[in-house]
Amino acid sequence: MKILCETRDGSNSLGEIDLRPTKAICVGRNYSAHAAELGHDVPREPLIFMKPVSSLCSAGAPILRPDGFERVDHEGELAIVIGKRACNVSEEDAMRHILGYTCANDITVRDLQKQGPWLRAKGMDSFLPIGPRIVTDLDPSSLNIAVRVNGETKQVGNTDQFIFSIAKILAFITAEITLEEHDLVLTGTPAGVGNLAPGDSVEVEIEGIGVLKNPVVARNA
């Protein structure tokens, strides 16, 4: 997918790049309040899962909501874009492997997630919107995150509330799983997740990056 890659103020742009990740690895329950709202304990180590590349969609593209489920939830979060191959990196060296950061929405069929393996619940086509741009010079340690549905704020958080830091997450993943250039790592969502319905418009806004906005349509429409 094509996406703009630039510095925070836009003064030094790498232009539109062809983002071709081999995988997207996500961290679950990285905010204690989100773990609590779903009735889970805080994990002792990063809880990771994958979304297929086929679930990617760009800013403005429709999220395809499947019929027959009570909850198809928004989960706004900060996404890391890997800049160079990372294998067994240390926490001290981890940040040097990052190209930049973007907004992401980890769409989840909550009904299916409760049943067992998460691949179908989180991996359907269009279930990973990212954008609107990659920012290369962002300090990710304290960024405000907000999610709005039809203009109403649903999720509010800050990356300073992470249970596991970005450096720890990357070191944990790459101890066993190599991250390639352009791979995505999603860092978890704050409390306030909720259902999306056809006709909704969902926005993920992250300080210094911008607003990722997508319409929601019925999958069978």
N, C-alpha and C. Protein backbone atom coordinates (compact mmCIF):
# COMPACT_ATOMS: atom_id res chain seq x y z
N MET A 1 0.84 -1.19 0.00
CA MET A 1 0.00 0.00 0.00
C MET A 1 0.88 1.24 0.00
N LYS A 2 0.40 2.31 -0.62
CA LYS A 2 1.12 3.57 -0.70
C LYS A 2 0.78 4.42 0.52
N ILE A 3 1.81 5.01 1.15
CA ILE A 3 1.60 5.85 2.31
C ILE A 3 2.72 6.90 2.38
N LEU A 4 2.36 8.11 2.78
CA LEU A 4 3.33 9.19 2.90
C LEU A 4 4.21 8.95 4.11
N CYS A 5 5.50 9.18 3.96
CA CYS A 5 6.47 9.02 5.04
C CYS A 5 7.24 10.33 5.17
N GLU A 6 7.15 10.97 6.35
CA GLU A 6 7.76 12.28 6.51
C GLU A 6 8.04 12.58 7.97
N THR A 7 8.78 13.69 8.20
CA THR A 7 9.01 14.15 9.56
C THR A 7 7.74 14.76 10.13
N ARG A 8 7.77 14.99 11.44
CA ARG A 8 6.57 15.45 12.14
C ARG A 8 6.00 16.74 11.55
N ASP A 9 6.88 17.69 11.19
CA ASP A 9 6.38 18.96 10.66
C ASP A 9 6.30 18.96 9.14
N GLY A 10 6.59 17.83 8.51
CA GLY A 10 6.49 17.72 7.07
C GLY A 10 7.62 18.37 6.30
N SER A 11 8.63 18.88 7.00
CA SER A 11 9.70 19.62 6.34
C SER A 11 10.69 18.71 5.60
N ASN A 12 10.76 17.47 6.00
CA ASN A 12 11.69 16.53 5.38
C ASN A 12 10.94 15.26 5.03
N SER A 13 10.47 15.20 3.82
CA SER A 13 9.61 14.10 3.41
C SER A 13 10.39 13.07 2.61
N LEU A 14 10.14 11.79 2.91
CA LEU A 14 10.67 10.71 2.09
C LEU A 14 9.73 10.39 0.93
N GLY A 15 8.63 11.14 0.89
CA GLY A 15 7.66 10.94 -0.18
C GLY A 15 6.75 9.76 0.11
N GLU A 16 6.00 9.39 -0.88
CA GLU A 16 5.08 8.25 -0.75
C GLU A 16 5.88 6.97 -0.95
N ILE A 17 5.84 6.10 0.04
CA ILE A 17 6.55 4.83 -0.07
C ILE A 17 5.56 3.70 -0.30
N ASP A 18 6.05 2.64 -0.87
CA ASP A 18 5.24 1.44 -1.09
C ASP A 18 5.47 0.52 0.10
N LEU A 19 4.57 0.59 1.06
CA LEU A 19 4.72 -0.19 2.30
C LEU A 19 4.35 -1.64 2.03
N ARG A 20 5.31 -2.52 2.25
CA ARG A 20 5.09 -3.95 1.98
C ARG A 20 5.54 -4.79 3.17
N PRO A 21 4.78 -4.78 4.25
CA PRO A 21 5.15 -5.59 5.41
C PRO A 21 4.98 -7.08 5.12
N THR A 22 5.79 -7.90 5.79
CA THR A 22 5.59 -9.34 5.70
C THR A 22 4.61 -9.82 6.76
N LYS A 23 4.41 -9.01 7.80
CA LYS A 23 3.51 -9.40 8.89
C LYS A 23 3.20 -8.18 9.76
N ALA A 24 2.15 -8.33 10.53
CA ALA A 24 1.80 -7.34 11.55
C ALA A 24 1.67 -8.09 12.87
N ILE A 25 2.51 -7.73 13.82
CA ILE A 25 2.48 -8.35 15.15
C ILE A 25 1.89 -7.34 16.12
N CYS A 26 0.95 -7.78 16.91
CA CYS A 26 0.21 -6.90 17.80
C CYS A 26 0.42 -7.31 19.25
N VAL A 27 0.37 -6.32 20.13
CA VAL A 27 0.49 -6.56 21.56
C VAL A 27 -0.87 -6.34 22.20
N GLY A 28 -1.35 -7.34 22.90
CA GLY A 28 -2.63 -7.24 23.58
C GLY A 28 -2.47 -6.83 25.04
N ARG A 29 -3.47 -6.13 25.55
CA ARG A 29 -3.53 -5.79 26.98
C ARG A 29 -2.29 -5.04 27.46
N ASN A 30 -1.88 -4.02 26.70
CA ASN A 30 -0.71 -3.24 27.09
C ASN A 30 -1.09 -1.98 27.86
N TYR A 31 -2.38 -1.83 28.12
CA TYR A 31 -2.89 -0.81 29.03
C TYR A 31 -3.68 -1.54 30.11
N SER A 32 -3.39 -1.28 31.37
CA SER A 32 -4.05 -2.01 32.46
C SER A 32 -5.55 -1.76 32.46
N ALA A 33 -5.99 -0.55 32.11
CA ALA A 33 -7.42 -0.24 32.13
C ALA A 33 -8.16 -1.04 31.06
N HIS A 34 -7.53 -1.26 29.90
CA HIS A 34 -8.17 -2.07 28.86
C HIS A 34 -8.25 -3.53 29.28
N ALA A 35 -7.19 -4.04 29.90
CA ALA A 35 -7.24 -5.42 30.41
C ALA A 35 -8.39 -5.57 31.39
N ALA A 36 -8.56 -4.57 32.26
CA ALA A 36 -9.62 -4.62 33.28
C ALA A 36 -11.00 -4.58 32.66
N GLU A 37 -11.20 -3.76 31.61
CA GLU A 37 -12.54 -3.64 31.04
C GLU A 37 -12.99 -4.93 30.35
N LEU A 38 -12.02 -5.77 29.95
CA LEU A 38 -12.36 -7.05 29.35
C LEU A 38 -12.30 -8.20 30.35
N GLY A 39 -12.03 -7.87 31.62
CA GLY A 39 -12.01 -8.88 32.67
C GLY A 39 -10.76 -9.73 32.71
N HIS A 40 -9.63 -9.18 32.26
CA HIS A 40 -8.38 -9.93 32.22
C HIS A 40 -7.37 -9.35 33.20
N ASP A 41 -6.47 -10.21 33.66
CA ASP A 41 -5.35 -9.75 34.47
C ASP A 41 -4.30 -9.07 33.57
N VAL A 42 -3.47 -8.25 34.19
CA VAL A 42 -2.36 -7.64 33.47
C VAL A 42 -1.34 -8.74 33.16
N PRO A 43 -0.91 -8.87 31.91
CA PRO A 43 0.03 -9.95 31.56
C PRO A 43 1.41 -9.73 32.18
N ARG A 44 2.13 -10.82 32.42
CA ARG A 44 3.48 -10.74 32.99
C ARG A 44 4.54 -10.47 31.93
N GLU A 45 4.21 -10.75 30.69
CA GLU A 45 5.10 -10.48 29.56
C GLU A 45 4.21 -10.07 28.40
N PRO A 46 4.75 -9.43 27.36
CA PRO A 46 3.91 -9.00 26.24
C PRO A 46 3.10 -10.15 25.66
N LEU A 47 1.81 -9.90 25.49
CA LEU A 47 0.90 -10.87 24.88
C LEU A 47 0.82 -10.53 23.40
N ILE A 48 1.39 -11.38 22.55
CA ILE A 48 1.48 -11.05 21.14
C ILE A 48 0.63 -11.98 20.28
N PHE A 49 0.16 -11.42 19.17
CA PHE A 49 -0.61 -12.18 18.18
C PHE A 49 -0.36 -11.52 16.83
N MET A 50 -0.80 -12.16 15.76
CA MET A 50 -0.54 -11.64 14.41
C MET A 50 -1.84 -11.36 13.68
N LYS A 51 -1.76 -10.39 12.80
CA LYS A 51 -2.81 -10.13 11.82
C LYS A 51 -2.20 -10.33 10.44
N PRO A 52 -2.92 -10.94 9.51
CA PRO A 52 -2.36 -11.15 8.18
C PRO A 52 -2.24 -9.84 7.41
N VAL A 53 -1.29 -9.80 6.49
CA VAL A 53 -1.11 -8.61 5.66
C VAL A 53 -2.36 -8.31 4.86
N SER A 54 -3.14 -9.32 4.53
CA SER A 54 -4.37 -9.12 3.77
C SER A 54 -5.43 -8.32 4.53
N SER A 55 -5.24 -8.13 5.85
CA SER A 55 -6.20 -7.34 6.62
C SER A 55 -5.93 -5.84 6.55
N LEU A 56 -4.79 -5.46 5.96
CA LEU A 56 -4.43 -4.04 5.85
C LEU A 56 -5.41 -3.27 4.99
N CYS A 57 -5.71 -2.04 5.41
CA CYS A 57 -6.41 -1.11 4.54
C CYS A 57 -5.95 0.31 4.86
N SER A 58 -6.09 1.20 3.91
CA SER A 58 -5.55 2.54 4.04
C SER A 58 -6.57 3.50 4.64
N ALA A 59 -6.11 4.68 5.00
CA ALA A 59 -7.00 5.73 5.48
C ALA A 59 -8.05 6.02 4.41
N GLY A 60 -9.29 6.12 4.84
CA GLY A 60 -10.39 6.40 3.93
C GLY A 60 -11.05 5.19 3.33
N ALA A 61 -10.38 4.03 3.37
CA ALA A 61 -10.96 2.80 2.83
C ALA A 61 -11.99 2.25 3.81
N PRO A 62 -13.00 1.54 3.32
CA PRO A 62 -14.05 1.05 4.21
C PRO A 62 -13.61 -0.14 5.06
N ILE A 63 -14.06 -0.14 6.30
CA ILE A 63 -13.97 -1.30 7.18
C ILE A 63 -15.19 -2.16 6.90
N LEU A 64 -14.98 -3.41 6.54
CA LEU A 64 -16.08 -4.30 6.15
C LEU A 64 -16.57 -5.06 7.37
N ARG A 65 -17.74 -4.65 7.90
CA ARG A 65 -18.27 -5.28 9.11
C ARG A 65 -19.08 -6.51 8.74
N PRO A 66 -18.69 -7.68 9.26
CA PRO A 66 -19.46 -8.90 8.96
C PRO A 66 -20.78 -8.90 9.72
N ASP A 67 -21.78 -9.53 9.12
CA ASP A 67 -23.10 -9.66 9.75
C ASP A 67 -23.07 -10.77 10.80
N GLY A 68 -24.06 -10.75 11.69
CA GLY A 68 -24.29 -11.85 12.60
C GLY A 68 -23.49 -11.82 13.88
N PHE A 69 -22.82 -10.70 14.17
CA PHE A 69 -22.04 -10.60 15.40
C PHE A 69 -22.50 -9.40 16.21
N GLU A 70 -22.52 -9.58 17.52
CA GLU A 70 -22.98 -8.51 18.39
C GLU A 70 -22.00 -7.36 18.46
N ARG A 71 -20.69 -7.70 18.52
CA ARG A 71 -19.69 -6.64 18.66
C ARG A 71 -18.54 -6.83 17.69
N VAL A 72 -18.33 -5.80 16.90
CA VAL A 72 -17.13 -5.67 16.07
C VAL A 72 -16.48 -4.37 16.53
N ASP A 73 -15.44 -4.49 17.32
CA ASP A 73 -14.92 -3.35 18.09
C ASP A 73 -13.79 -2.59 17.40
N HIS A 74 -13.75 -1.29 17.68
CA HIS A 74 -12.59 -0.46 17.34
C HIS A 74 -11.56 -0.60 18.45
N GLU A 75 -10.29 -0.56 18.07
CA GLU A 75 -9.17 -0.56 19.02
C GLU A 75 -8.08 0.33 18.43
N GLY A 76 -8.11 1.60 18.75
CA GLY A 76 -7.11 2.53 18.23
C GLY A 76 -5.79 2.38 18.95
N GLU A 77 -4.70 2.43 18.18
CA GLU A 77 -3.39 2.27 18.81
C GLU A 77 -2.26 2.80 17.94
N LEU A 78 -1.12 3.01 18.60
CA LEU A 78 0.10 3.42 17.92
C LEU A 78 0.74 2.21 17.26
N ALA A 79 1.11 2.37 15.99
CA ALA A 79 1.79 1.30 15.26
C ALA A 79 3.22 1.71 14.94
N ILE A 80 4.13 0.77 15.12
CA ILE A 80 5.54 0.95 14.76
C ILE A 80 5.75 0.39 13.37
N VAL A 81 6.50 1.12 12.54
CA VAL A 81 6.92 0.63 11.23
C VAL A 81 8.42 0.34 11.30
N ILE A 82 8.78 -0.90 11.06
CA ILE A 82 10.18 -1.31 11.17
C ILE A 82 10.97 -0.77 9.97
N GLY A 83 12.17 -0.26 10.25
CA GLY A 83 13.00 0.34 9.20
C GLY A 83 14.10 -0.56 8.69
N LYS A 84 14.55 -1.48 9.52
CA LYS A 84 15.58 -2.43 9.07
C LYS A 84 15.42 -3.72 9.86
N ARG A 85 15.93 -4.79 9.28
CA ARG A 85 15.76 -6.13 9.83
C ARG A 85 16.18 -6.17 11.30
N ALA A 86 15.34 -6.76 12.12
CA ALA A 86 15.61 -6.84 13.56
C ALA A 86 15.50 -8.29 14.01
N CYS A 87 16.63 -8.83 14.46
CA CYS A 87 16.69 -10.21 14.94
C CYS A 87 17.44 -10.22 16.26
N ASN A 88 16.76 -10.66 17.32
CA ASN A 88 17.37 -10.77 18.64
C ASN A 88 18.03 -9.45 19.07
N VAL A 89 17.29 -8.36 18.93
CA VAL A 89 17.84 -7.05 19.31
C VAL A 89 17.68 -6.84 20.81
N SER A 90 18.56 -6.05 21.39
CA SER A 90 18.47 -5.70 22.80
C SER A 90 17.53 -4.51 22.97
N GLU A 91 17.08 -4.30 24.21
CA GLU A 91 16.26 -3.12 24.48
C GLU A 91 17.04 -1.84 24.17
N GLU A 92 18.35 -1.86 24.42
CA GLU A 92 19.17 -0.68 24.18
C GLU A 92 19.28 -0.35 22.69
N ASP A 93 19.21 -1.37 21.85
CA ASP A 93 19.40 -1.18 20.42
C ASP A 93 18.08 -1.15 19.64
N ALA A 94 16.99 -1.47 20.30
CA ALA A 94 15.72 -1.70 19.60
C ALA A 94 15.23 -0.50 18.80
N MET A 95 15.32 0.69 19.37
CA MET A 95 14.73 1.87 18.73
C MET A 95 15.44 2.22 17.43
N ARG A 96 16.66 1.76 17.24
CA ARG A 96 17.39 2.04 16.01
C ARG A 96 16.84 1.29 14.80
N HIS A 97 15.95 0.35 15.04
CA HIS A 97 15.38 -0.45 13.96
C HIS A 97 14.03 0.09 13.49
N ILE A 98 13.62 1.24 13.98
CA ILE A 98 12.30 1.80 13.67
C ILE A 98 12.41 2.85 12.58
N LEU A 99 11.58 2.71 11.55
CA LEU A 99 11.46 3.74 10.52
C LEU A 99 10.62 4.90 11.03
N GLY A 100 9.47 4.57 11.63
CA GLY A 100 8.58 5.61 12.11
C GLY A 100 7.32 5.02 12.73
N TYR A 101 6.32 5.88 12.88
CA TYR A 101 5.10 5.52 13.60
C TYR A 101 3.88 5.98 12.82
N THR A 102 2.78 5.25 12.98
CA THR A 102 1.53 5.62 12.34
C THR A 102 0.37 5.22 13.24
N CYS A 103 -0.83 5.65 12.85
CA CYS A 103 -2.05 5.26 13.57
C CYS A 103 -2.54 3.92 13.04
N ALA A 104 -3.15 3.14 13.92
CA ALA A 104 -3.72 1.86 13.51
C ALA A 104 -5.03 1.62 14.26
N ASN A 105 -5.87 0.79 13.66
CA ASN A 105 -7.13 0.40 14.28
C ASN A 105 -7.22 -1.12 14.20
N ASP A 106 -7.09 -1.76 15.34
CA ASP A 106 -7.10 -3.23 15.43
C ASP A 106 -8.55 -3.69 15.55
N ILE A 107 -9.24 -3.79 14.41
CA ILE A 107 -10.65 -4.18 14.42
C ILE A 107 -10.78 -5.64 14.88
N THR A 108 -11.75 -5.88 15.76
CA THR A 108 -11.87 -7.18 16.41
C THR A 108 -13.33 -7.61 16.54
N VAL A 109 -13.64 -8.81 16.07
CA VAL A 109 -14.96 -9.40 16.35
C VAL A 109 -14.89 -10.00 17.74
N ARG A 110 -15.46 -9.30 18.71
CA ARG A 110 -15.31 -9.71 20.10
C ARG A 110 -15.95 -11.07 20.35
N ASP A 111 -17.08 -11.36 19.70
CA ASP A 111 -17.75 -12.65 19.86
C ASP A 111 -16.80 -13.80 19.52
N LEU A 112 -16.08 -13.66 18.41
CA LEU A 112 -15.16 -14.71 17.97
C LEU A 112 -13.92 -14.79 18.84
N GLN A 113 -13.44 -13.64 19.30
CA GLN A 113 -12.24 -13.63 20.14
C GLN A 113 -12.45 -14.45 21.40
N LYS A 114 -13.66 -14.40 21.94
CA LYS A 114 -13.96 -15.13 23.17
C LYS A 114 -13.99 -16.64 22.96
N GLN A 115 -14.11 -17.07 21.70
CA GLN A 115 -14.26 -18.50 21.44
C GLN A 115 -12.93 -19.24 21.37
N GLY A 116 -11.83 -18.53 21.18
CA GLY A 116 -10.56 -19.25 21.08
C GLY A 116 -9.53 -18.51 20.26
N PRO A 117 -8.88 -19.19 19.30
CA PRO A 117 -7.83 -18.54 18.50
C PRO A 117 -8.33 -17.24 17.88
N TRP A 118 -7.43 -16.25 17.81
CA TRP A 118 -7.84 -14.89 17.46
C TRP A 118 -7.74 -14.58 15.97
N LEU A 119 -7.23 -15.49 15.15
CA LEU A 119 -6.95 -15.15 13.76
C LEU A 119 -8.20 -14.67 13.03
N ARG A 120 -9.28 -15.40 13.13
CA ARG A 120 -10.50 -14.98 12.43
C ARG A 120 -11.08 -13.72 13.05
N ALA A 121 -11.02 -13.63 14.38
CA ALA A 121 -11.60 -12.48 15.08
C ALA A 121 -10.92 -11.18 14.70
N LYS A 122 -9.62 -11.24 14.40
CA LYS A 122 -8.86 -10.02 14.16
C LYS A 122 -8.24 -9.94 12.76
N GLY A 123 -8.37 -10.99 11.97
CA GLY A 123 -7.64 -11.06 10.72
C GLY A 123 -8.45 -10.94 9.45
N MET A 124 -9.74 -10.59 9.55
CA MET A 124 -10.55 -10.48 8.34
C MET A 124 -10.05 -9.33 7.47
N ASP A 125 -10.36 -9.40 6.18
CA ASP A 125 -10.02 -8.32 5.26
C ASP A 125 -10.55 -7.00 5.80
N SER A 126 -9.71 -5.96 5.74
CA SER A 126 -10.02 -4.58 6.15
C SER A 126 -9.92 -4.36 7.65
N PHE A 127 -9.47 -5.36 8.41
CA PHE A 127 -9.45 -5.26 9.87
C PHE A 127 -8.18 -4.62 10.42
N LEU A 128 -7.34 -4.05 9.53
CA LEU A 128 -6.16 -3.33 10.01
C LEU A 128 -5.96 -2.03 9.22
N PRO A 129 -6.82 -1.04 9.46
CA PRO A 129 -6.57 0.27 8.86
C PRO A 129 -5.34 0.91 9.49
N ILE A 130 -4.50 1.52 8.64
CA ILE A 130 -3.36 2.29 9.15
C ILE A 130 -3.24 3.59 8.35
N GLY A 131 -2.61 4.60 8.95
CA GLY A 131 -2.40 5.87 8.27
C GLY A 131 -2.66 7.03 9.22
N PRO A 132 -2.76 8.26 8.75
CA PRO A 132 -2.73 8.65 7.34
C PRO A 132 -1.31 8.80 6.79
N ARG A 133 -0.29 8.73 7.68
CA ARG A 133 1.09 8.87 7.25
C ARG A 133 1.99 8.18 8.27
N ILE A 134 3.24 7.96 7.88
CA ILE A 134 4.27 7.50 8.79
C ILE A 134 5.12 8.70 9.18
N VAL A 135 5.32 8.91 10.47
CA VAL A 135 6.15 10.01 10.96
C VAL A 135 7.46 9.42 11.48
N THR A 136 8.57 9.96 10.99
CA THR A 136 9.87 9.34 11.22
C THR A 136 10.61 9.86 12.45
N ASP A 137 10.24 11.04 12.94
CA ASP A 137 11.04 11.67 14.01
C ASP A 137 10.23 11.89 15.28
N LEU A 138 9.34 10.99 15.56
CA LEU A 138 8.42 11.13 16.69
C LEU A 138 9.00 10.50 17.95
N ASP A 139 8.86 11.17 19.08
CA ASP A 139 9.17 10.58 20.38
C ASP A 139 7.90 9.88 20.86
N PRO A 140 7.91 8.54 20.93
CA PRO A 140 6.68 7.81 21.23
C PRO A 140 6.37 7.67 22.72
N SER A 141 7.17 8.29 23.58
CA SER A 141 7.06 8.00 25.01
C SER A 141 5.84 8.60 25.69
N SER A 142 5.26 9.66 25.10
CA SER A 142 4.11 10.30 25.74
C SER A 142 3.25 10.96 24.68
N LEU A 143 2.46 10.14 23.98
CA LEU A 143 1.59 10.62 22.91
C LEU A 143 0.14 10.40 23.27
N ASN A 144 -0.68 11.41 23.12
CA ASN A 144 -2.11 11.28 23.35
C ASN A 144 -2.76 10.50 22.21
N ILE A 145 -3.66 9.61 22.59
CA ILE A 145 -4.42 8.80 21.63
C ILE A 145 -5.90 8.99 21.90
N ALA A 146 -6.68 9.20 20.85
CA ALA A 146 -8.13 9.31 21.00
C ALA A 146 -8.80 8.58 19.85
N VAL A 147 -9.93 7.94 20.14
CA VAL A 147 -10.75 7.29 19.12
C VAL A 147 -12.15 7.89 19.20
N ARG A 148 -12.66 8.29 18.04
CA ARG A 148 -14.01 8.85 17.97
C ARG A 148 -14.85 8.05 16.99
N VAL A 149 -16.11 7.86 17.34
CA VAL A 149 -17.07 7.21 16.45
C VAL A 149 -18.18 8.20 16.20
N ASN A 150 -18.37 8.57 14.95
CA ASN A 150 -19.35 9.59 14.56
C ASN A 150 -19.17 10.88 15.35
N GLY A 151 -17.90 11.22 15.60
CA GLY A 151 -17.57 12.45 16.29
C GLY A 151 -17.58 12.37 17.80
N GLU A 152 -18.04 11.26 18.36
CA GLU A 152 -18.12 11.09 19.82
C GLU A 152 -16.89 10.33 20.32
N THR A 153 -16.20 10.92 21.29
CA THR A 153 -14.98 10.30 21.82
C THR A 153 -15.31 9.03 22.60
N LYS A 154 -14.63 7.95 22.24
CA LYS A 154 -14.84 6.65 22.87
C LYS A 154 -13.62 6.16 23.64
N GLN A 155 -12.44 6.40 23.11
CA GLN A 155 -11.20 5.96 23.76
C GLN A 155 -10.27 7.15 23.93
N VAL A 156 -9.65 7.23 25.09
CA VAL A 156 -8.63 8.25 25.37
C VAL A 156 -7.51 7.58 26.14
N GLY A 157 -6.29 7.84 25.74
CA GLY A 157 -5.14 7.27 26.45
C GLY A 157 -3.88 8.00 26.08
N ASN A 158 -2.78 7.55 26.64
CA ASN A 158 -1.47 8.11 26.35
C ASN A 158 -0.46 6.98 26.39
N THR A 159 0.52 7.05 25.51
CA THR A 159 1.51 5.98 25.45
C THR A 159 2.36 5.89 26.71
N ASP A 160 2.31 6.90 27.58
CA ASP A 160 3.04 6.78 28.85
C ASP A 160 2.35 5.81 29.81
N GLN A 161 1.18 5.29 29.40
CA GLN A 161 0.46 4.30 30.19
C GLN A 161 0.78 2.85 29.77
N PHE A 162 1.67 2.69 28.80
CA PHE A 162 2.05 1.34 28.38
C PHE A 162 2.54 0.51 29.58
N ILE A 163 2.13 -0.74 29.64
CA ILE A 163 2.69 -1.68 30.61
C ILE A 163 4.10 -2.07 30.18
N PHE A 164 4.26 -2.34 28.88
CA PHE A 164 5.56 -2.72 28.32
C PHE A 164 5.99 -1.64 27.33
N SER A 165 7.21 -1.15 27.48
CA SER A 165 7.74 -0.10 26.62
C SER A 165 7.96 -0.64 25.20
N ILE A 166 8.11 0.27 24.27
CA ILE A 166 8.38 -0.13 22.89
C ILE A 166 9.68 -0.91 22.79
N ALA A 167 10.72 -0.46 23.49
CA ALA A 167 12.00 -1.18 23.45
C ALA A 167 11.85 -2.60 23.98
N LYS A 168 11.10 -2.76 25.07
CA LYS A 168 10.90 -4.10 25.64
C LYS A 168 10.08 -4.97 24.69
N ILE A 169 9.07 -4.39 24.05
CA ILE A 169 8.24 -5.13 23.10
C ILE A 169 9.09 -5.65 21.95
N LEU A 170 9.91 -4.79 21.36
CA LEU A 170 10.71 -5.20 20.21
C LEU A 170 11.75 -6.24 20.60
N ALA A 171 12.37 -6.07 21.77
CA ALA A 171 13.33 -7.07 22.23
C ALA A 171 12.65 -8.42 22.47
N PHE A 172 11.46 -8.39 23.05
CA PHE A 172 10.71 -9.62 23.33
C PHE A 172 10.35 -10.34 22.03
N ILE A 173 9.81 -9.61 21.06
CA ILE A 173 9.40 -10.22 19.80
C ILE A 173 10.60 -10.80 19.06
N THR A 174 11.65 -9.99 18.91
CA THR A 174 12.77 -10.40 18.06
C THR A 174 13.68 -11.44 18.69
N ALA A 175 13.47 -11.75 19.96
CA ALA A 175 14.21 -12.86 20.56
C ALA A 175 13.86 -14.17 19.86
N GLU A 176 12.68 -14.23 19.26
CA GLU A 176 12.23 -15.47 18.62
C GLU A 176 11.67 -15.28 17.22
N ILE A 177 11.26 -14.06 16.89
CA ILE A 177 10.63 -13.77 15.60
C ILE A 177 11.35 -12.60 14.95
N THR A 178 11.94 -12.81 13.80
CA THR A 178 12.64 -11.72 13.10
C THR A 178 11.63 -10.77 12.48
N LEU A 179 11.87 -9.48 12.69
CA LEU A 179 11.06 -8.45 12.06
C LEU A 179 11.81 -7.93 10.83
N GLU A 180 11.10 -7.86 9.71
CA GLU A 180 11.69 -7.40 8.46
C GLU A 180 11.32 -5.94 8.20
N GLU A 181 12.04 -5.31 7.30
CA GLU A 181 11.74 -3.93 6.91
C GLU A 181 10.27 -3.80 6.51
N HIS A 182 9.62 -2.78 7.05
CA HIS A 182 8.22 -2.44 6.81
C HIS A 182 7.24 -3.28 7.62
N ASP A 183 7.71 -4.27 8.38
CA ASP A 183 6.78 -4.98 9.26
C ASP A 183 6.17 -3.99 10.25
N LEU A 184 4.97 -4.32 10.71
CA LEU A 184 4.23 -3.47 11.63
C LEU A 184 4.15 -4.12 13.01
N VAL A 185 4.28 -3.30 14.04
CA VAL A 185 4.08 -3.77 15.41
C VAL A 185 3.07 -2.82 16.06
N LEU A 186 1.92 -3.35 16.45
CA LEU A 186 0.89 -2.57 17.13
C LEU A 186 1.09 -2.69 18.63
N THR A 187 0.95 -1.57 19.33
CA THR A 187 1.42 -1.49 20.72
C THR A 187 0.34 -1.59 21.77
N GLY A 188 -0.90 -1.87 21.39
CA GLY A 188 -1.97 -2.01 22.36
C GLY A 188 -2.92 -0.83 22.37
N THR A 189 -4.11 -1.05 22.91
CA THR A 189 -5.17 -0.04 22.87
C THR A 189 -5.60 0.37 24.27
N PRO A 190 -5.95 1.64 24.47
CA PRO A 190 -6.46 2.06 25.78
C PRO A 190 -7.91 1.61 25.99
N ALA A 191 -8.41 1.84 27.17
CA ALA A 191 -9.79 1.45 27.51
C ALA A 191 -10.80 2.23 26.67
N GLY A 192 -12.00 1.66 26.56
CA GLY A 192 -13.08 2.34 25.87
C GLY A 192 -13.48 1.70 24.56
N VAL A 193 -12.98 0.48 24.27
CA VAL A 193 -13.32 -0.18 23.02
C VAL A 193 -14.83 -0.40 22.94
N GLY A 194 -15.34 -0.42 21.71
CA GLY A 194 -16.78 -0.58 21.55
C GLY A 194 -17.16 -0.93 20.13
N ASN A 195 -18.42 -1.22 19.95
CA ASN A 195 -18.94 -1.76 18.70
C ASN A 195 -19.02 -0.71 17.60
N LEU A 196 -18.78 -1.16 16.39
CA LEU A 196 -18.98 -0.37 15.19
C LEU A 196 -20.13 -0.97 14.38
N ALA A 197 -20.92 -0.09 13.76
CA ALA A 197 -22.06 -0.51 12.95
C ALA A 197 -21.93 0.06 11.55
N PRO A 198 -22.54 -0.61 10.55
CA PRO A 198 -22.53 -0.03 9.21
C PRO A 198 -23.09 1.39 9.23
N GLY A 199 -22.43 2.27 8.52
CA GLY A 199 -22.82 3.67 8.52
C GLY A 199 -22.00 4.53 9.45
N ASP A 200 -21.27 3.91 10.39
CA ASP A 200 -20.42 4.67 11.31
C ASP A 200 -19.18 5.19 10.59
N SER A 201 -18.60 6.21 11.20
CA SER A 201 -17.30 6.72 10.79
C SER A 201 -16.41 6.69 12.03
N VAL A 202 -15.25 6.04 11.93
CA VAL A 202 -14.36 5.88 13.08
C VAL A 202 -13.04 6.59 12.81
N GLU A 203 -12.56 7.32 13.82
CA GLU A 203 -11.32 8.08 13.71
C GLU A 203 -10.37 7.68 14.83
N VAL A 204 -9.12 7.47 14.47
CA VAL A 204 -8.04 7.28 15.44
C VAL A 204 -7.09 8.46 15.29
N GLU A 205 -6.95 9.24 16.35
CA GLU A 205 -6.06 10.39 16.30
C GLU A 205 -4.93 10.20 17.29
N ILE A 206 -3.70 10.37 16.81
CA ILE A 206 -2.52 10.27 17.66
C ILE A 206 -1.70 11.55 17.50
N GLU A 207 -1.35 12.11 18.62
CA GLU A 207 -0.58 13.35 18.66
C GLU A 207 0.67 13.24 17.80
N GLY A 208 0.87 14.23 16.93
CA GLY A 208 2.06 14.27 16.09
C GLY A 208 1.95 13.49 14.79
N ILE A 209 0.91 12.66 14.65
CA ILE A 209 0.73 11.87 13.43
C ILE A 209 -0.45 12.37 12.61
N GLY A 210 -1.60 12.50 13.25
CA GLY A 210 -2.79 12.94 12.54
C GLY A 210 -3.96 12.05 12.83
N VAL A 211 -4.92 12.04 11.90
CA VAL A 211 -6.18 11.33 12.10
C VAL A 211 -6.35 10.26 11.02
N LEU A 212 -6.52 9.03 11.46
CA LEU A 212 -6.87 7.91 10.59
C LEU A 212 -8.39 7.78 10.62
N LYS A 213 -9.04 7.99 9.48
CA LYS A 213 -10.50 7.97 9.42
C LYS A 213 -10.96 6.94 8.40
N ASN A 214 -11.92 6.11 8.83
CA ASN A 214 -12.47 5.07 7.93
C ASN A 214 -13.97 4.95 8.12
N PRO A 215 -14.71 4.79 7.03
CA PRO A 215 -16.14 4.48 7.15
C PRO A 215 -16.35 2.99 7.42
N VAL A 216 -17.47 2.65 7.99
CA VAL A 216 -17.83 1.25 8.25
C VAL A 216 -19.00 0.88 7.34
N VAL A 217 -18.85 -0.21 6.61
CA VAL A 217 -19.92 -0.66 5.72
C VAL A 217 -20.19 -2.14 5.99
N ALA A 218 -21.37 -2.60 5.64
CA ALA A 218 -21.70 -4.01 5.80
C ALA A 218 -20.90 -4.83 4.81
N ARG A 219 -20.31 -5.93 5.28
CA ARG A 219 -19.45 -6.76 4.41
C ARG A 219 -20.22 -7.26 3.20
N ASN A 220 -21.48 -7.57 3.36
CA ASN A 220 -22.26 -8.15 2.27
C ASN A 220 -22.95 -7.11 1.41
N ALA A 221 -22.71 -5.83 1.69
CA ALA A 221 -23.39 -4.78 0.91
C ALA A 221 -22.83 -4.76 -0.51
